[in-house]
PDB file of N, CA and C in Angstrom:
ATOM      1  N   UNK A   1     -12.181 -61.594  58.213  1.00  0.00           N
ATOM      2  CA  UNK A   1     -12.588 -62.837  57.568  1.00  0.00           C
ATOM      3  C   UNK A   1     -13.901 -62.607  56.828  1.00  0.00           C
ATOM      4  N   UNK A   2     -13.925 -62.955  55.581  1.00  0.00           N
ATOM      5  CA  UNK A   2     -15.066 -62.739  54.719  1.00  0.00           C
ATOM      6  C   UNK A   2     -15.964 -63.984  54.745  1.00  0.00           C
ATOM      7  N   UNK A   3     -17.289 -63.763  54.756  1.00  0.00           N
ATOM      8  CA  UNK A   3     -18.184 -64.913  54.692  1.00  0.00           C
ATOM      9  C   UNK A   3     -18.151 -65.496  53.284  1.00  0.00           C
ATOM     10  N   UNK A   4     -18.600 -66.740  53.138  1.00  0.00           N
ATOM     11  CA  UNK A   4     -18.493 -67.454  51.862  1.00  0.00           C
ATOM     12  C   UNK A   4     -19.267 -66.763  50.745  1.00  0.00           C
ATOM     13  N   UNK A   5     -20.458 -66.277  51.042  1.00  0.00           N
ATOM     14  CA  UNK A   5     -21.264 -65.625  50.010  1.00  0.00           C
ATOM     15  C   UNK A   5     -20.594 -64.336  49.524  1.00  0.00           C
ATOM     16  N   UNK A   6     -20.025 -63.566  50.432  1.00  0.00           N
ATOM     17  CA  UNK A   6     -19.317 -62.344  50.045  1.00  0.00           C
ATOM     18  C   UNK A   6     -18.094 -62.668  49.191  1.00  0.00           C
ATOM     19  N   UNK A   7     -17.377 -63.719  49.557  1.00  0.00           N
ATOM     20  CA  UNK A   7     -16.210 -64.138  48.772  1.00  0.00           C
ATOM     21  C   UNK A   7     -16.629 -64.563  47.371  1.00  0.00           C
ATOM     22  N   UNK A   8     -17.758 -65.247  47.274  1.00  0.00           N
ATOM     23  CA  UNK A   8     -18.254 -65.683  45.968  1.00  0.00           C
ATOM     24  C   UNK A   8     -18.620 -64.485  45.106  1.00  0.00           C
ATOM     25  N   UNK A   9     -19.382 -63.545  45.679  1.00  0.00           N
ATOM     26  CA  UNK A   9     -19.756 -62.359  44.908  1.00  0.00           C
ATOM     27  C   UNK A   9     -18.527 -61.532  44.522  1.00  0.00           C
ATOM     28  N   UNK A  10     -17.565 -61.417  45.407  1.00  0.00           N
ATOM     29  CA  UNK A  10     -16.340 -60.675  45.086  1.00  0.00           C
ATOM     30  C   UNK A  10     -15.595 -61.350  43.935  1.00  0.00           C
ATOM     31  N   UNK A  11     -15.534 -62.663  43.951  1.00  0.00           N
ATOM     32  CA  UNK A  11     -14.864 -63.390  42.867  1.00  0.00           C
ATOM     33  C   UNK A  11     -15.615 -63.225  41.554  1.00  0.00           C
ATOM     34  N   UNK A  12     -16.943 -63.239  41.613  1.00  0.00           N
ATOM     35  CA  UNK A  12     -17.759 -63.122  40.402  1.00  0.00           C
ATOM     36  C   UNK A  12     -17.820 -61.695  39.866  1.00  0.00           C
ATOM     37  N   UNK A  13     -17.365 -60.727  40.646  1.00  0.00           N
ATOM     38  CA  UNK A  13     -17.431 -59.329  40.227  1.00  0.00           C
ATOM     39  C   UNK A  13     -16.491 -59.032  39.067  1.00  0.00           C
ATOM     40  N   UNK A  14     -15.485 -59.853  38.874  1.00  0.00           N
ATOM     41  CA  UNK A  14     -14.501 -59.608  37.823  1.00  0.00           C
ATOM     42  C   UNK A  14     -14.888 -60.328  36.527  1.00  0.00           C
ATOM     43  N   UNK A  15     -14.944 -59.617  35.394  1.00  0.00           N
ATOM     44  CA  UNK A  15     -15.358 -60.247  34.133  1.00  0.00           C
ATOM     45  C   UNK A  15     -14.401 -61.347  33.661  1.00  0.00           C
ATOM     46  N   UNK A  16     -13.114 -61.222  33.949  1.00  0.00           N
ATOM     47  CA  UNK A  16     -12.169 -62.272  33.562  1.00  0.00           C
ATOM     48  C   UNK A  16     -12.469 -63.553  34.313  1.00  0.00           C
ATOM     49  N   UNK A  17     -12.754 -63.436  35.605  1.00  0.00           N
ATOM     50  CA  UNK A  17     -13.066 -64.634  36.393  1.00  0.00           C
ATOM     51  C   UNK A  17     -14.383 -65.250  35.937  1.00  0.00           C
ATOM     52  N   UNK A  18     -15.365 -64.420  35.576  1.00  0.00           N
ATOM     53  CA  UNK A  18     -16.621 -64.967  35.047  1.00  0.00           C
ATOM     54  C   UNK A  18     -16.381 -65.697  33.732  1.00  0.00           C
ATOM     55  N   UNK A  19     -15.508 -65.165  32.893  1.00  0.00           N
ATOM     56  CA  UNK A  19     -15.180 -65.826  31.629  1.00  0.00           C
ATOM     57  C   UNK A  19     -14.461 -67.147  31.873  1.00  0.00           C
ATOM     58  N   UNK A  20     -13.590 -67.170  32.860  1.00  0.00           N
ATOM     59  CA  UNK A  20     -12.899 -68.419  33.212  1.00  0.00           C
ATOM     60  C   UNK A  20     -13.917 -69.456  33.675  1.00  0.00           C
ATOM     61  N   UNK A  21     -14.859 -69.054  34.532  1.00  0.00           N
ATOM     62  CA  UNK A  21     -15.903 -69.986  34.982  1.00  0.00           C
ATOM     63  C   UNK A  21     -16.735 -70.481  33.813  1.00  0.00           C
ATOM     64  N   UNK A  22     -17.044 -69.596  32.895  1.00  0.00           N
ATOM     65  CA  UNK A  22     -17.817 -69.982  31.714  1.00  0.00           C
ATOM     66  C   UNK A  22     -17.073 -71.053  30.922  1.00  0.00           C
ATOM     67  N   UNK A  23     -15.778 -70.878  30.754  1.00  0.00           N
ATOM     68  CA  UNK A  23     -14.967 -71.877  30.044  1.00  0.00           C
ATOM     69  C   UNK A  23     -14.943 -73.192  30.805  1.00  0.00           C
ATOM     70  N   UNK A  24     -14.815 -73.133  32.123  1.00  0.00           N
ATOM     71  CA  UNK A  24     -14.743 -74.349  32.933  1.00  0.00           C
ATOM     72  C   UNK A  24     -16.076 -75.089  32.993  1.00  0.00           C
ATOM     73  N   UNK A  25     -17.157 -74.415  32.664  1.00  0.00           N
ATOM     74  CA  UNK A  25     -18.462 -75.077  32.628  1.00  0.00           C
ATOM     75  C   UNK A  25     -18.487 -76.168  31.560  1.00  0.00           C
ATOM     76  N   UNK A  26     -17.597 -76.066  30.561  1.00  0.00           N
ATOM     77  CA  UNK A  26     -17.554 -77.098  29.512  1.00  0.00           C
ATOM     78  C   UNK A  26     -16.526 -78.186  29.808  1.00  0.00           C
ATOM     79  N   UNK A  27     -15.802 -78.066  30.905  1.00  0.00           N
ATOM     80  CA  UNK A  27     -14.839 -79.102  31.285  1.00  0.00           C
ATOM     81  C   UNK A  27     -13.584 -78.505  31.876  1.00  0.00           C
ATOM     82  N   UNK A  28     -12.793 -79.366  32.514  1.00  0.00           N
ATOM     83  CA  UNK A  28     -11.586 -78.867  33.173  1.00  0.00           C
ATOM     84  C   UNK A  28     -10.577 -78.373  32.148  1.00  0.00           C
ATOM     85  N   UNK A  29      -9.677 -77.497  32.621  1.00  0.00           N
ATOM     86  CA  UNK A  29      -8.682 -76.890  31.735  1.00  0.00           C
ATOM     87  C   UNK A  29      -7.454 -76.511  32.539  1.00  0.00           C
ATOM     88  N   UNK A  30      -6.327 -76.429  31.847  1.00  0.00           N
ATOM     89  CA  UNK A  30      -5.080 -76.006  32.469  1.00  0.00           C
ATOM     90  C   UNK A  30      -4.977 -74.481  32.409  1.00  0.00           C
ATOM     91  N   UNK A  31      -3.986 -73.950  33.103  1.00  0.00           N
ATOM     92  CA  UNK A  31      -3.759 -72.501  33.090  1.00  0.00           C
ATOM     93  C   UNK A  31      -3.500 -72.027  31.660  1.00  0.00           C
ATOM     94  N   UNK A  32      -2.695 -72.782  30.919  1.00  0.00           N
ATOM     95  CA  UNK A  32      -2.405 -72.394  29.528  1.00  0.00           C
ATOM     96  C   UNK A  32      -3.676 -72.342  28.697  1.00  0.00           C
ATOM     97  N   UNK A  33      -4.539 -73.318  28.843  1.00  0.00           N
ATOM     98  CA  UNK A  33      -5.798 -73.334  28.089  1.00  0.00           C
ATOM     99  C   UNK A  33      -6.702 -72.181  28.496  1.00  0.00           C
ATOM    100  N   UNK A  34      -6.736 -71.889  29.785  1.00  0.00           N
ATOM    101  CA  UNK A  34      -7.588 -70.799  30.271  1.00  0.00           C
ATOM    102  C   UNK A  34      -7.059 -69.435  29.857  1.00  0.00           C
ATOM    103  N   UNK A  35      -5.742 -69.327  29.682  1.00  0.00           N
ATOM    104  CA  UNK A  35      -5.121 -68.042  29.340  1.00  0.00           C
ATOM    105  C   UNK A  35      -5.277 -67.692  27.867  1.00  0.00           C
ATOM    106  N   UNK A  36      -5.548 -68.681  27.007  1.00  0.00           N
ATOM    107  CA  UNK A  36      -5.571 -68.450  25.555  1.00  0.00           C
ATOM    108  C   UNK A  36      -6.382 -67.230  25.106  1.00  0.00           C
ATOM    109  N   UNK A  37      -7.641 -67.067  25.550  1.00  0.00           N
ATOM    110  CA  UNK A  37      -8.416 -65.946  25.003  1.00  0.00           C
ATOM    111  C   UNK A  37      -8.079 -64.575  25.605  1.00  0.00           C
ATOM    112  N   UNK A  38      -7.205 -64.540  26.580  1.00  0.00           N
ATOM    113  CA  UNK A  38      -6.928 -63.281  27.281  1.00  0.00           C
ATOM    114  C   UNK A  38      -5.553 -62.736  26.909  1.00  0.00           C
ATOM    115  N   UNK A  39      -5.433 -61.442  26.933  1.00  0.00           N
ATOM    116  CA  UNK A  39      -4.143 -60.796  26.695  1.00  0.00           C
ATOM    117  C   UNK A  39      -3.525 -60.388  28.028  1.00  0.00           C
ATOM    118  N   UNK A  40      -3.465 -61.339  28.947  1.00  0.00           N
ATOM    119  CA  UNK A  40      -2.837 -61.104  30.248  1.00  0.00           C
ATOM    120  C   UNK A  40      -1.856 -62.238  30.512  1.00  0.00           C
ATOM    121  N   UNK A  41      -0.964 -62.024  31.444  1.00  0.00           N
ATOM    122  CA  UNK A  41       0.096 -62.984  31.719  1.00  0.00           C
ATOM    123  C   UNK A  41      -0.431 -64.245  32.410  1.00  0.00           C
ATOM    124  N   UNK A  42       0.366 -65.306  32.334  1.00  0.00           N
ATOM    125  CA  UNK A  42       0.014 -66.542  33.043  1.00  0.00           C
ATOM    126  C   UNK A  42      -0.054 -66.321  34.553  1.00  0.00           C
ATOM    127  N   UNK A  43       0.863 -65.537  35.140  1.00  0.00           N
ATOM    128  CA  UNK A  43       0.734 -65.271  36.575  1.00  0.00           C
ATOM    129  C   UNK A  43      -0.584 -64.559  36.927  1.00  0.00           C
ATOM    130  N   UNK A  44      -1.046 -63.684  36.038  1.00  0.00           N
ATOM    131  CA  UNK A  44      -2.322 -62.998  36.291  1.00  0.00           C
ATOM    132  C   UNK A  44      -3.472 -64.001  36.259  1.00  0.00           C
ATOM    133  N   UNK A  45      -3.443 -64.923  35.297  1.00  0.00           N
ATOM    134  CA  UNK A  45      -4.471 -65.975  35.245  1.00  0.00           C
ATOM    135  C   UNK A  45      -4.407 -66.811  36.511  1.00  0.00           C
ATOM    136  N   UNK A  46      -3.209 -67.138  36.952  1.00  0.00           N
ATOM    137  CA  UNK A  46      -3.051 -67.925  38.181  1.00  0.00           C
ATOM    138  C   UNK A  46      -3.626 -67.199  39.385  1.00  0.00           C
ATOM    139  N   UNK A  47      -3.459 -65.872  39.431  1.00  0.00           N
ATOM    140  CA  UNK A  47      -4.034 -65.101  40.540  1.00  0.00           C
ATOM    141  C   UNK A  47      -5.561 -65.141  40.480  1.00  0.00           C
ATOM    142  N   UNK A  48      -6.130 -65.045  39.275  1.00  0.00           N
ATOM    143  CA  UNK A  48      -7.580 -65.160  39.131  1.00  0.00           C
ATOM    144  C   UNK A  48      -8.051 -66.540  39.598  1.00  0.00           C
ATOM    145  N   UNK A  49      -7.306 -67.565  39.239  1.00  0.00           N
ATOM    146  CA  UNK A  49      -7.676 -68.927  39.652  1.00  0.00           C
ATOM    147  C   UNK A  49      -7.616 -69.075  41.171  1.00  0.00           C
ATOM    148  N   UNK A  50      -6.640 -68.429  41.780  1.00  0.00           N
ATOM    149  CA  UNK A  50      -6.519 -68.488  43.235  1.00  0.00           C
ATOM    150  C   UNK A  50      -7.742 -67.868  43.907  1.00  0.00           C
ATOM    151  N   UNK A  51      -8.204 -66.734  43.387  1.00  0.00           N
ATOM    152  CA  UNK A  51      -9.397 -66.081  43.941  1.00  0.00           C
ATOM    153  C   UNK A  51     -10.610 -66.988  43.776  1.00  0.00           C
ATOM    154  N   UNK A  52     -10.756 -67.573  42.587  1.00  0.00           N
ATOM    155  CA  UNK A  52     -11.891 -68.480  42.339  1.00  0.00           C
ATOM    156  C   UNK A  52     -11.825 -69.695  43.247  1.00  0.00           C
ATOM    157  N   UNK A  53     -10.625 -70.212  43.466  1.00  0.00           N
ATOM    158  CA  UNK A  53     -10.459 -71.382  44.333  1.00  0.00           C
ATOM    159  C   UNK A  53     -10.761 -71.030  45.795  1.00  0.00           C
ATOM    160  N   UNK A  54     -10.299 -69.886  46.249  1.00  0.00           N
ATOM    161  CA  UNK A  54     -10.564 -69.467  47.628  1.00  0.00           C
ATOM    162  C   UNK A  54     -12.051 -69.235  47.865  1.00  0.00           C
ATOM    163  N   UNK A  55     -12.775 -68.843  46.822  1.00  0.00           N
ATOM    164  CA  UNK A  55     -14.222 -68.628  46.932  1.00  0.00           C
ATOM    165  C   UNK A  55     -15.003 -69.938  46.802  1.00  0.00           C
ATOM    166  N   UNK A  56     -14.303 -71.026  46.503  1.00  0.00           N
ATOM    167  CA  UNK A  56     -14.969 -72.318  46.368  1.00  0.00           C
ATOM    168  C   UNK A  56     -15.647 -72.527  45.028  1.00  0.00           C
ATOM    169  N   UNK A  57     -15.330 -71.675  44.058  1.00  0.00           N
ATOM    170  CA  UNK A  57     -15.951 -71.782  42.740  1.00  0.00           C
ATOM    171  C   UNK A  57     -15.253 -72.785  41.829  1.00  0.00           C
ATOM    172  N   UNK A  58     -13.968 -73.035  42.098  1.00  0.00           N
ATOM    173  CA  UNK A  58     -13.223 -74.038  41.340  1.00  0.00           C
ATOM    174  C   UNK A  58     -12.377 -74.865  42.294  1.00  0.00           C
ATOM    175  N   UNK A  59     -11.900 -75.994  41.797  1.00  0.00           N
ATOM    176  CA  UNK A  59     -10.894 -76.768  42.512  1.00  0.00           C
ATOM    177  C   UNK A  59      -9.779 -77.064  41.523  1.00  0.00           C
ATOM    178  N   UNK A  60      -8.608 -77.360  42.046  1.00  0.00           N
ATOM    179  CA  UNK A  60      -7.446 -77.650  41.200  1.00  0.00           C
ATOM    180  C   UNK A  60      -6.968 -79.046  41.523  1.00  0.00           C
ATOM    181  N   UNK A  61      -6.747 -79.834  40.499  1.00  0.00           N
ATOM    182  CA  UNK A  61      -6.261 -81.195  40.668  1.00  0.00           C
ATOM    183  C   UNK A  61      -4.790 -81.301  40.330  1.00  0.00           C
ATOM    184  N   UNK A  62      -4.324 -82.537  40.217  1.00  0.00           N
ATOM    185  CA  UNK A  62      -2.937 -82.810  39.832  1.00  0.00           C
ATOM    186  C   UNK A  62      -2.955 -83.852  38.719  1.00  0.00           C
ATOM    187  N   UNK A  63      -2.257 -83.549  37.646  1.00  0.00           N
ATOM    188  CA  UNK A  63      -2.083 -84.489  36.545  1.00  0.00           C
ATOM    189  C   UNK A  63      -0.651 -84.309  36.066  1.00  0.00           C
ATOM    190  N   UNK A  64       0.253 -85.104  36.634  1.00  0.00           N
ATOM    191  CA  UNK A  64       1.694 -84.961  36.398  1.00  0.00           C
ATOM    192  C   UNK A  64       2.105 -83.546  36.811  1.00  0.00           C
ATOM    193  N   UNK A  65       2.679 -82.758  35.881  1.00  0.00           N
ATOM    194  CA  UNK A  65       3.102 -81.405  36.227  1.00  0.00           C
ATOM    195  C   UNK A  65       1.982 -80.387  36.067  1.00  0.00           C
ATOM    196  N   UNK A  66       0.827 -80.800  35.558  1.00  0.00           N
ATOM    197  CA  UNK A  66      -0.296 -79.904  35.323  1.00  0.00           C
ATOM    198  C   UNK A  66      -1.226 -79.866  36.529  1.00  0.00           C
ATOM    199  N   UNK A  67      -1.882 -78.742  36.701  1.00  0.00           N
ATOM    200  CA  UNK A  67      -2.892 -78.599  37.759  1.00  0.00           C
ATOM    201  C   UNK A  67      -4.186 -78.134  37.114  1.00  0.00           C
ATOM    202  N   UNK A  68      -4.927 -79.048  36.473  1.00  0.00           N
ATOM    203  CA  UNK A  68      -6.162 -78.627  35.801  1.00  0.00           C
ATOM    204  C   UNK A  68      -7.193 -78.089  36.797  1.00  0.00           C
ATOM    205  N   UNK A  69      -7.915 -77.088  36.353  1.00  0.00           N
ATOM    206  CA  UNK A  69      -8.966 -76.492  37.180  1.00  0.00           C
ATOM    207  C   UNK A  69     -10.308 -77.049  36.722  1.00  0.00           C
ATOM    208  N   UNK A  70     -11.207 -77.183  37.676  1.00  0.00           N
ATOM    209  CA  UNK A  70     -12.576 -77.625  37.351  1.00  0.00           C
ATOM    210  C   UNK A  70     -13.545 -76.804  38.178  1.00  0.00           C
ATOM    211  N   UNK A  71     -14.722 -76.595  37.619  1.00  0.00           N
ATOM    212  CA  UNK A  71     -15.746 -75.802  38.294  1.00  0.00           C
ATOM    213  C   UNK A  71     -16.345 -76.614  39.439  1.00  0.00           C
ATOM    214  N   UNK A  72     -16.685 -75.944  40.511  1.00  0.00           N
ATOM    215  CA  UNK A  72     -17.363 -76.550  41.662  1.00  0.00           C
ATOM    216  C   UNK A  72     -18.711 -75.849  41.816  1.00  0.00           C
ATOM    217  N   UNK A  73     -19.750 -76.605  42.055  1.00  0.00           N
ATOM    218  CA  UNK A  73     -21.095 -76.022  42.058  1.00  0.00           C
ATOM    219  C   UNK A  73     -21.575 -75.532  43.414  1.00  0.00           C
ATOM    220  N   UNK A  74     -20.939 -75.926  44.484  1.00  0.00           N
ATOM    221  CA  UNK A  74     -21.429 -75.581  45.817  1.00  0.00           C
ATOM    222  C   UNK A  74     -21.604 -74.092  46.047  1.00  0.00           C
ATOM    223  N   UNK A  75     -20.601 -73.304  45.697  1.00  0.00           N
ATOM    224  CA  UNK A  75     -20.684 -71.852  45.912  1.00  0.00           C
ATOM    225  C   UNK A  75     -21.770 -71.235  45.034  1.00  0.00           C
ATOM    226  N   UNK A  76     -21.909 -71.738  43.814  1.00  0.00           N
ATOM    227  CA  UNK A  76     -22.954 -71.214  42.925  1.00  0.00           C
ATOM    228  C   UNK A  76     -24.336 -71.599  43.426  1.00  0.00           C
ATOM    229  N   UNK A  77     -24.452 -72.781  44.021  1.00  0.00           N
ATOM    230  CA  UNK A  77     -25.735 -73.182  44.600  1.00  0.00           C
ATOM    231  C   UNK A  77     -26.107 -72.278  45.771  1.00  0.00           C
ATOM    232  N   UNK A  78     -25.107 -71.857  46.553  1.00  0.00           N
ATOM    233  CA  UNK A  78     -25.368 -70.927  47.658  1.00  0.00           C
ATOM    234  C   UNK A  78     -25.863 -69.582  47.126  1.00  0.00           C
ATOM    235  N   UNK A  79     -25.269 -69.105  46.033  1.00  0.00           N
ATOM    236  CA  UNK A  79     -25.724 -67.857  45.410  1.00  0.00           C
ATOM    237  C   UNK A  79     -27.152 -68.030  44.909  1.00  0.00           C
ATOM    238  N   UNK A  80     -27.432 -69.163  44.273  1.00  0.00           N
ATOM    239  CA  UNK A  80     -28.777 -69.420  43.764  1.00  0.00           C
ATOM    240  C   UNK A  80     -29.799 -69.424  44.902  1.00  0.00           C
ATOM    241  N   UNK A  81     -29.445 -70.017  46.022  1.00  0.00           N
ATOM    242  CA  UNK A  81     -30.344 -70.025  47.173  1.00  0.00           C
ATOM    243  C   UNK A  81     -30.605 -68.622  47.699  1.00  0.00           C
ATOM    244  N   UNK A  82     -29.561 -67.807  47.739  1.00  0.00           N
ATOM    245  CA  UNK A  82     -29.703 -66.433  48.202  1.00  0.00           C
ATOM    246  C   UNK A  82     -30.591 -65.638  47.248  1.00  0.00           C
ATOM    247  N   UNK A  83     -30.360 -65.807  45.953  1.00  0.00           N
ATOM    248  CA  UNK A  83     -31.150 -65.093  44.941  1.00  0.00           C
ATOM    249  C   UNK A  83     -32.598 -65.588  44.947  1.00  0.00           C
ATOM    250  N   UNK A  84     -32.814 -66.875  45.198  1.00  0.00           N
ATOM    251  CA  UNK A  84     -34.169 -67.437  45.187  1.00  0.00           C
ATOM    252  C   UNK A  84     -35.074 -66.718  46.176  1.00  0.00           C
ATOM    253  N   UNK A  85     -34.531 -66.345  47.326  1.00  0.00           N
ATOM    254  CA  UNK A  85     -35.306 -65.610  48.321  1.00  0.00           C
ATOM    255  C   UNK A  85     -35.839 -64.308  47.720  1.00  0.00           C
ATOM    256  N   UNK A  86     -34.981 -63.586  47.011  1.00  0.00           N
ATOM    257  CA  UNK A  86     -35.373 -62.315  46.408  1.00  0.00           C
ATOM    258  C   UNK A  86     -36.204 -62.520  45.145  1.00  0.00           C
ATOM    259  N   UNK A  87     -35.994 -63.643  44.469  1.00  0.00           N
ATOM    260  CA  UNK A  87     -36.798 -63.947  43.286  1.00  0.00           C
ATOM    261  C   UNK A  87     -38.271 -64.045  43.675  1.00  0.00           C
ATOM    262  N   UNK A  88     -38.563 -64.655  44.819  1.00  0.00           N
ATOM    263  CA  UNK A  88     -39.943 -64.741  45.304  1.00  0.00           C
ATOM    264  C   UNK A  88     -40.515 -63.347  45.525  1.00  0.00           C
ATOM    265  N   UNK A  89     -39.699 -62.458  46.071  1.00  0.00           N
ATOM    266  CA  UNK A  89     -40.135 -61.089  46.331  1.00  0.00           C
ATOM    267  C   UNK A  89     -40.491 -60.372  45.038  1.00  0.00           C
ATOM    268  N   UNK A  90     -39.575 -60.388  44.054  1.00  0.00           N
ATOM    269  CA  UNK A  90     -39.865 -59.639  42.837  1.00  0.00           C
ATOM    270  C   UNK A  90     -40.910 -60.331  41.974  1.00  0.00           C
ATOM    271  N   UNK A  91     -41.025 -61.648  42.059  1.00  0.00           N
ATOM    272  CA  UNK A  91     -42.083 -62.338  41.320  1.00  0.00           C
ATOM    273  C   UNK A  91     -43.449 -61.910  41.850  1.00  0.00           C
ATOM    274  N   UNK A  92     -43.581 -61.802  43.163  1.00  0.00           N
ATOM    275  CA  UNK A  92     -44.832 -61.323  43.757  1.00  0.00           C
ATOM    276  C   UNK A  92     -45.164 -59.914  43.310  1.00  0.00           C
ATOM    277  N   UNK A  93     -44.148 -59.058  43.244  1.00  0.00           N
ATOM    278  CA  UNK A  93     -44.375 -57.679  42.795  1.00  0.00           C
ATOM    279  C   UNK A  93     -44.789 -57.650  41.326  1.00  0.00           C
ATOM    280  N   UNK A  94     -44.179 -58.475  40.519  1.00  0.00           N
ATOM    281  CA  UNK A  94     -44.559 -58.536  39.107  1.00  0.00           C
ATOM    282  C   UNK A  94     -45.980 -59.065  38.946  1.00  0.00           C
ATOM    283  N   UNK A  95     -46.357 -60.043  39.763  1.00  0.00           N
ATOM    284  CA  UNK A  95     -47.720 -60.572  39.702  1.00  0.00           C
ATOM    285  C   UNK A  95     -48.735 -59.476  40.034  1.00  0.00           C
ATOM    286  N   UNK A  96     -48.440 -58.667  41.064  1.00  0.00           N
ATOM    287  CA  UNK A  96     -49.340 -57.573  41.425  1.00  0.00           C
ATOM    288  C   UNK A  96     -49.389 -56.517  40.321  1.00  0.00           C
ATOM    289  N   UNK A  97     -48.236 -56.239  39.693  1.00  0.00           N
ATOM    290  CA  UNK A  97     -48.217 -55.274  38.610  1.00  0.00           C
ATOM    291  C   UNK A  97     -49.013 -55.807  37.413  1.00  0.00           C
ATOM    292  N   UNK A  98     -48.895 -57.088  37.108  1.00  0.00           N
ATOM    293  CA  UNK A  98     -49.679 -57.682  36.020  1.00  0.00           C
ATOM    294  C   UNK A  98     -51.173 -57.536  36.278  1.00  0.00           C
ATOM    295  N   UNK A  99     -51.583 -57.786  37.524  1.00  0.00           N
ATOM    296  CA  UNK A  99     -52.997 -57.663  37.871  1.00  0.00           C
ATOM    297  C   UNK A  99     -53.459 -56.210  37.719  1.00  0.00           C
ATOM    298  N   UNK A 100     -52.632 -55.280  38.154  1.00  0.00           N
ATOM    299  CA  UNK A 100     -52.970 -53.864  38.021  1.00  0.00           C
ATOM    300  C   UNK A 100     -53.075 -53.459  36.551  1.00  0.00           C
ATOM    301  N   UNK A 101     -52.140 -53.890  35.738  1.00  0.00           N
ATOM    302  CA  UNK A 101     -52.175 -53.563  34.310  1.00  0.00           C
ATOM    303  C   UNK A 101     -53.395 -54.180  33.629  1.00  0.00           C
ATOM    304  N   UNK A 102     -53.781 -55.371  34.049  1.00  0.00           N
ATOM    305  CA  UNK A 102     -54.983 -55.996  33.493  1.00  0.00           C
ATOM    306  C   UNK A 102     -56.216 -55.166  33.831  1.00  0.00           C
ATOM    307  N   UNK A 103     -56.279 -54.623  35.038  1.00  0.00           N
ATOM    308  CA  UNK A 103     -57.390 -53.755  35.433  1.00  0.00           C
ATOM    309  C   UNK A 103     -57.408 -52.478  34.603  1.00  0.00           C
ATOM    310  N   UNK A 104     -56.246 -51.886  34.376  1.00  0.00           N
ATOM    311  CA  UNK A 104     -56.170 -50.668  33.570  1.00  0.00           C
ATOM    312  C   UNK A 104     -56.653 -50.943  32.150  1.00  0.00           C
ATOM    313  N   UNK A 105     -56.258 -52.070  31.603  1.00  0.00           N
ATOM    314  CA  UNK A 105     -56.658 -52.402  30.230  1.00  0.00           C
ATOM    315  C   UNK A 105     -58.162 -52.625  30.116  1.00  0.00           C
ATOM    316  N   UNK A 106     -58.790 -53.020  31.208  1.00  0.00           N
ATOM    317  CA  UNK A 106     -60.245 -53.179  31.209  1.00  0.00           C
ATOM    318  C   UNK A 106     -60.947 -51.824  31.342  1.00  0.00           C
ATOM    319  N   UNK A 107     -60.197 -50.784  31.637  1.00  0.00           N
ATOM    320  CA  UNK A 107     -60.791 -49.469  31.807  1.00  0.00           C
ATOM    321  C   UNK A 107     -61.270 -49.225  33.224  1.00  0.00           C
ATOM    322  N   UNK A 108     -60.864 -50.041  34.152  1.00  0.00           N
ATOM    323  CA  UNK A 108     -61.281 -49.904  35.538  1.00  0.00           C
ATOM    324  C   UNK A 108     -60.046 -49.876  36.458  1.00  0.00           C
ATOM    325  N   UNK A 109     -59.261 -48.801  36.431  1.00  0.00           N
ATOM    326  CA  UNK A 109     -58.038 -48.779  37.225  1.00  0.00           C
ATOM    327  C   UNK A 109     -58.260 -48.895  38.716  1.00  0.00           C
ATOM    328  N   UNK A 110     -59.419 -48.442  39.210  1.00  0.00           N
ATOM    329  CA  UNK A 110     -59.655 -48.519  40.651  1.00  0.00           C
ATOM    330  C   UNK A 110     -60.524 -49.718  41.026  1.00  0.00           C
ATOM    331  N   UNK A 111     -60.856 -50.523  40.058  1.00  0.00           N
ATOM    332  CA  UNK A 111     -61.648 -51.713  40.336  1.00  0.00           C
ATOM    333  C   UNK A 111     -63.132 -51.470  40.443  1.00  0.00           C
ATOM    334  N   UNK A 112     -63.595 -50.218  40.236  1.00  0.00           N
ATOM    335  CA  UNK A 112     -65.017 -49.928  40.320  1.00  0.00           C
ATOM    336  C   UNK A 112     -65.698 -50.242  38.997  1.00  0.00           C
ATOM    337  N   UNK A 113     -66.997 -50.467  39.069  1.00  0.00           N
ATOM    338  CA  UNK A 113     -67.767 -50.748  37.853  1.00  0.00           C
ATOM    339  C   UNK A 113     -68.092 -49.439  37.160  1.00  0.00           C
ATOM    340  N   UNK A 114     -68.132 -49.480  35.843  1.00  0.00           N
ATOM    341  CA  UNK A 114     -68.446 -48.277  35.077  1.00  0.00           C
ATOM    342  C   UNK A 114     -69.858 -48.342  34.560  1.00  0.00           C
TER     343      UNK A 114
END
C-alpha cells in the first residue's frame, strides 16, 4: 500500500498526466477533450485518468453518458506542504550564501577589517 504523497508524486512523474492536469486547471473536460492533443488511444488516456484519480489529483463526475474529469486540490496542497518544509531549508541556505557573497564583494571574505 502506497502512502498518499508517494502516489501523488508517482502520478505527477508522467508528462502526459502533468499535461492532463494542466488542461484541467482551466476547467473540467471529457476523455475525448483530454485526448485531443495526444497521439495515444482513448483507453491510454483513461488509464492515465485512473492513476490521477487514485492519487486524488482529479475526480470524475457523471453527466449523462459522459464522465467529465475535474482537478482536485487536496493532493496538490499536500505536496505544497511537503515542499514548504524544504523551501525553508533552501531559503535559509540562499540567505547565508547572499550574506557571504556580500562580504566577498566588500573585499572582506573572512569578515576581518582591512
